[in-house]
C-alpha cells in the first residue's frame, strides 16, 4: 500500500512541478523590484516629481497586471515573456528619462 502511495506522489509531483516552473517569472519579478527601487530613489532625492512618479507607478502596475494575466492560464509562453520584457524595457527608459529631465523637486536642507 505504501509503495502505491509513494508512486502516486512521485507521479503527481512530476506533472505539477513543470507547471509551476512555466508560470514563474523570476527575471521579470527581479526587474520589477529594481525598477521600483529606482523610482523610490528618484522620489527621495527629488529627481522625480509627484506627477512623474505617479505615472511611472501606474505603468509598473499595468505591467504587473499583464504579468498576472499571462500567468492566469497556468503557462507564461515565450511570446508573453517577450512582451513583458519589452514593456519593462520601455518602462526602464521612461524612468531614466523622467529622472534625468530638468524637473526637480526642491528638498529642504
Foldseek 3Di string as FASTA:
>chain_A
DVVVVVVVVVVVCVVVVVLVVQLDDVVLVVLLVVLVVLLVVLVVQFLADPVLSVVLVVLSVVLVVLSCVCPVVSGNDPVSSVVSVVSSVVSVVSSVPSSPDPGGDDDDD
